[in-house]
N, C-alpha and C. Protein backbone atom coordinates (compact mmCIF):
# COMPACT_ATOMS: atom_id res chain seq x y z
N UNK A 1 88.47 115.94 97.17
CA UNK A 1 89.57 115.77 97.16
C UNK A 1 90.30 116.99 97.00
N UNK A 2 91.96 117.09 97.37
CA UNK A 2 92.63 117.82 97.65
C UNK A 2 93.75 117.67 96.44
N UNK A 3 93.81 118.53 95.65
CA UNK A 3 95.22 118.79 94.49
C UNK A 3 96.16 118.95 95.45
N UNK A 4 97.38 118.33 95.21
CA UNK A 4 98.60 118.53 95.28
C UNK A 4 99.40 119.58 94.43
N UNK A 5 98.70 119.75 93.25
CA UNK A 5 99.67 120.46 92.35
C UNK A 5 100.97 119.82 91.67
N UNK A 6 101.33 118.60 92.01
CA UNK A 6 102.15 117.78 91.39
C UNK A 6 101.40 116.99 90.11
N UNK A 7 102.57 116.94 89.30
CA UNK A 7 102.22 116.02 88.27
C UNK A 7 103.56 115.27 88.17
N UNK A 8 103.41 113.76 88.05
CA UNK A 8 104.29 112.77 87.74
C UNK A 8 104.29 111.93 86.53
N UNK A 9 105.09 111.81 86.20
CA UNK A 9 105.65 111.08 84.72
C UNK A 9 105.75 109.34 85.09
N UNK A 10 105.17 108.75 84.66
CA UNK A 10 105.00 106.94 84.84
C UNK A 10 106.35 106.40 84.16
N UNK A 11 106.77 105.69 84.79
CA UNK A 11 108.46 105.40 83.91
C UNK A 11 107.84 103.84 83.20
N UNK A 12 108.69 103.46 82.39
CA UNK A 12 108.47 102.71 81.74
C UNK A 12 108.11 101.37 81.93
N UNK A 13 108.10 101.24 83.33
CA UNK A 13 107.98 99.83 84.08
C UNK A 13 106.34 99.96 85.04
N UNK A 14 105.94 101.17 84.67
CA UNK A 14 104.55 101.52 85.10
C UNK A 14 104.66 102.10 86.48
N UNK A 15 105.85 102.78 86.92
CA UNK A 15 105.96 103.35 88.35
C UNK A 15 105.91 104.72 88.47
N UNK A 16 105.30 105.23 89.52
CA UNK A 16 105.27 106.37 89.90
C UNK A 16 106.08 106.77 91.22
N UNK A 17 106.47 107.94 91.82
CA UNK A 17 107.23 108.10 93.08
C UNK A 17 106.00 108.83 93.84
N UNK A 18 106.14 108.18 95.32
CA UNK A 18 104.83 109.30 95.96
C UNK A 18 105.95 110.18 96.76
N UNK A 19 106.16 111.78 96.51
CA UNK A 19 106.42 112.34 97.12
C UNK A 19 106.45 111.95 98.59
N UNK A 20 107.53 112.31 99.62
CA UNK A 20 107.62 111.89 101.00
C UNK A 20 106.60 113.29 101.26
N UNK A 21 106.80 114.35 101.33
CA UNK A 21 105.44 115.25 101.66
C UNK A 21 103.82 114.70 101.71
N UNK A 22 103.87 113.91 100.48
CA UNK A 22 102.37 113.41 100.03
C UNK A 22 102.09 112.09 100.63
N UNK A 23 103.23 111.43 101.36
CA UNK A 23 102.69 110.32 102.38
C UNK A 23 102.88 110.58 103.66
N UNK A 24 104.19 111.21 103.89
CA UNK A 24 103.85 111.37 105.74
C UNK A 24 102.42 111.76 106.34
N UNK A 25 101.93 112.77 105.70
CA UNK A 25 100.26 113.20 106.31
C UNK A 25 99.45 111.90 106.68
N UNK A 26 99.67 110.96 105.22
CA UNK A 26 99.17 109.55 105.43
C UNK A 26 99.59 108.58 106.18
N UNK A 27 100.89 108.87 106.91
CA UNK A 27 100.99 107.14 107.55
C UNK A 27 101.97 106.86 106.69
N UNK A 28 102.25 106.88 105.45
CA UNK A 28 102.68 105.77 104.61
C UNK A 28 104.26 105.89 104.34
N UNK A 29 105.03 104.91 104.94
CA UNK A 29 106.57 104.75 105.18
C UNK A 29 106.99 104.19 104.15
N UNK A 30 108.53 104.06 103.85
CA UNK A 30 109.35 103.46 102.76
C UNK A 30 108.69 101.84 103.31
N UNK A 31 108.47 100.99 102.39
CA UNK A 31 108.52 99.55 102.84
C UNK A 31 107.13 99.27 102.92
N UNK A 32 106.22 100.30 103.27
CA UNK A 32 104.56 99.87 103.47
C UNK A 32 103.77 99.85 102.07
N UNK A 33 102.91 98.97 102.47
CA UNK A 33 102.37 98.07 101.13
C UNK A 33 100.70 99.13 101.08
N UNK A 34 100.47 99.57 99.87
CA UNK A 34 99.26 100.60 99.64
C UNK A 34 98.19 99.33 98.63
N UNK A 35 97.32 99.96 99.15
CA UNK A 35 95.86 99.19 98.39
C UNK A 35 95.80 99.94 97.01
N UNK A 36 95.22 99.81 96.01
CA UNK A 36 94.83 100.17 94.53
C UNK A 36 93.54 100.01 94.54
N UNK A 37 92.61 101.16 94.13
CA UNK A 37 91.25 101.25 94.23
C UNK A 37 90.95 101.79 92.53
N UNK A 38 89.87 101.57 92.08
CA UNK A 38 89.41 102.66 90.95
C UNK A 38 87.88 102.83 91.60
N UNK A 39 87.80 103.83 91.07
CA UNK A 39 86.43 104.54 91.12
C UNK A 39 86.22 105.52 89.79
N UNK A 40 85.42 105.09 88.34
CA UNK A 40 85.35 105.47 87.76
C UNK A 40 86.77 106.11 86.86
N UNK A 41 87.19 106.96 86.20
CA UNK A 41 88.38 107.37 86.02
C UNK A 41 89.37 107.96 87.06
N UNK A 42 89.13 107.52 88.28
CA UNK A 42 90.24 107.81 89.30
C UNK A 42 90.96 106.20 89.94
N UNK A 43 92.06 106.71 90.35
CA UNK A 43 92.78 105.78 90.79
C UNK A 43 93.09 106.24 92.40
N UNK A 44 92.62 105.44 93.22
CA UNK A 44 92.91 105.80 94.90
C UNK A 44 93.79 104.38 95.51
N UNK A 45 94.83 105.44 95.85
CA UNK A 45 95.87 104.63 96.93
C UNK A 45 95.53 105.02 98.33
N UNK A 46 95.00 104.09 98.98
CA UNK A 46 94.95 103.75 100.28
C UNK A 46 96.36 103.13 101.09
N UNK A 47 97.02 103.20 102.25
CA UNK A 47 97.77 102.51 102.98
C UNK A 47 96.85 101.35 103.10
N UNK A 48 97.50 100.29 103.12
CA UNK A 48 97.04 98.72 103.30
C UNK A 48 97.20 98.38 104.89
N UNK A 49 95.86 97.90 105.48
CA UNK A 49 95.97 97.78 106.67
C UNK A 49 95.33 96.16 106.64
N UNK A 50 95.82 95.25 107.44
CA UNK A 50 95.54 93.93 107.06
C UNK A 50 94.75 93.43 108.12
N UNK A 51 94.53 94.46 109.14
CA UNK A 51 93.80 93.97 110.87
C UNK A 51 92.16 94.50 110.70
N UNK A 52 91.45 94.56 111.43
CA UNK A 52 90.31 94.74 111.74
C UNK A 52 89.90 96.26 111.74
N UNK A 53 89.08 96.74 111.27
CA UNK A 53 89.11 98.19 111.61
C UNK A 53 88.15 98.59 112.91
N UNK A 54 87.78 97.64 113.53
CA UNK A 54 87.36 97.95 115.10
C UNK A 54 88.06 97.55 116.04
N UNK A 55 88.67 96.64 116.04
CA UNK A 55 89.96 96.10 116.82
C UNK A 55 91.17 95.93 117.32
N UNK A 56 91.43 95.90 115.37
CA UNK A 56 92.76 95.85 115.40
C UNK A 56 93.40 94.35 115.11
N UNK A 57 92.78 93.29 115.36
CA UNK A 57 92.82 92.02 115.31
C UNK A 57 93.14 91.31 113.85
N UNK A 58 94.38 90.80 113.33
CA UNK A 58 95.02 90.50 112.60
C UNK A 58 94.35 89.15 111.79
N UNK A 59 93.90 88.16 113.04
CA UNK A 59 93.73 86.70 112.75
C UNK A 59 92.08 86.94 111.76
N UNK A 60 92.00 86.06 111.26
CA UNK A 60 90.37 85.48 110.86
C UNK A 60 89.98 86.97 110.27
N UNK A 61 90.14 87.81 109.58
CA UNK A 61 90.01 89.29 109.15
C UNK A 61 89.13 88.96 107.79
N UNK A 62 88.16 89.02 107.15
CA UNK A 62 87.25 89.34 106.17
C UNK A 62 87.09 90.54 105.62
N UNK A 63 86.69 90.63 104.34
CA UNK A 63 86.33 91.73 103.95
C UNK A 63 84.72 91.93 104.12
N UNK A 64 83.89 93.03 104.28
CA UNK A 64 82.86 93.41 104.80
C UNK A 64 82.28 95.00 104.09
N UNK A 65 81.48 95.02 103.49
CA UNK A 65 81.40 96.10 102.67
C UNK A 65 82.80 97.07 102.04
N UNK A 66 83.52 95.96 101.85
CA UNK A 66 85.16 96.82 101.58
C UNK A 66 86.06 97.24 102.89
N UNK A 67 85.83 97.04 103.85
CA UNK A 67 86.34 97.01 104.98
C UNK A 67 86.76 95.92 105.50
N UNK A 68 87.79 95.43 106.53
CA UNK A 68 88.14 94.46 106.89
C UNK A 68 87.68 94.71 108.24
N UNK A 69 87.30 93.53 108.87
CA UNK A 69 85.95 93.19 109.97
C UNK A 69 86.96 91.66 110.43
N UNK A 70 87.22 91.32 111.69
CA UNK A 70 87.42 90.15 112.01
C UNK A 70 85.81 89.58 112.28
N UNK A 71 86.00 87.89 112.53
CA UNK A 71 84.82 87.40 112.64
C UNK A 71 84.03 87.80 114.09
N UNK A 72 84.75 87.93 115.24
CA UNK A 72 84.33 88.32 116.35
C UNK A 72 83.54 89.72 116.22
N UNK A 73 84.02 90.76 115.59
CA UNK A 73 83.52 91.93 115.61
C UNK A 73 82.39 92.04 114.70
N UNK A 74 82.60 91.04 113.84
CA UNK A 74 81.20 90.95 112.60
C UNK A 74 80.26 90.18 113.68
N UNK A 75 80.36 89.35 114.26
CA UNK A 75 79.53 88.81 115.47
C UNK A 75 78.76 89.80 115.97
N UNK A 76 79.31 90.71 116.47
CA UNK A 76 78.66 91.31 117.15
C UNK A 76 78.30 92.42 116.65
N UNK A 77 78.31 92.85 115.70
CA UNK A 77 77.55 93.87 114.46
C UNK A 77 76.31 93.05 114.32
N UNK A 78 76.20 91.64 114.19
CA UNK A 78 74.91 90.99 113.95
C UNK A 78 73.94 91.44 115.12
N UNK A 79 74.42 91.32 116.27
CA UNK A 79 73.65 91.86 117.39
C UNK A 79 72.95 93.52 117.28
N UNK A 80 73.55 94.36 116.87
CA UNK A 80 73.02 95.45 116.85
C UNK A 80 71.66 95.93 116.07
């Protein structure tokens, strides 16, 4: 994990600002959605992607091992 050296204060509504120089390398733009994960005492933010990680299809996507996979790709994986 890479430290940015930045410390941000949480406001009265529980919000923090993600600086542009942190968002840009991750491809996160204004208006994008992020997913929130926890891992022990860590909070992890990840750019939200609602499509299949293999083919990019957005319809019929389900979670498989915390990854989004469409039903067609899931069927292909079963044949491996």
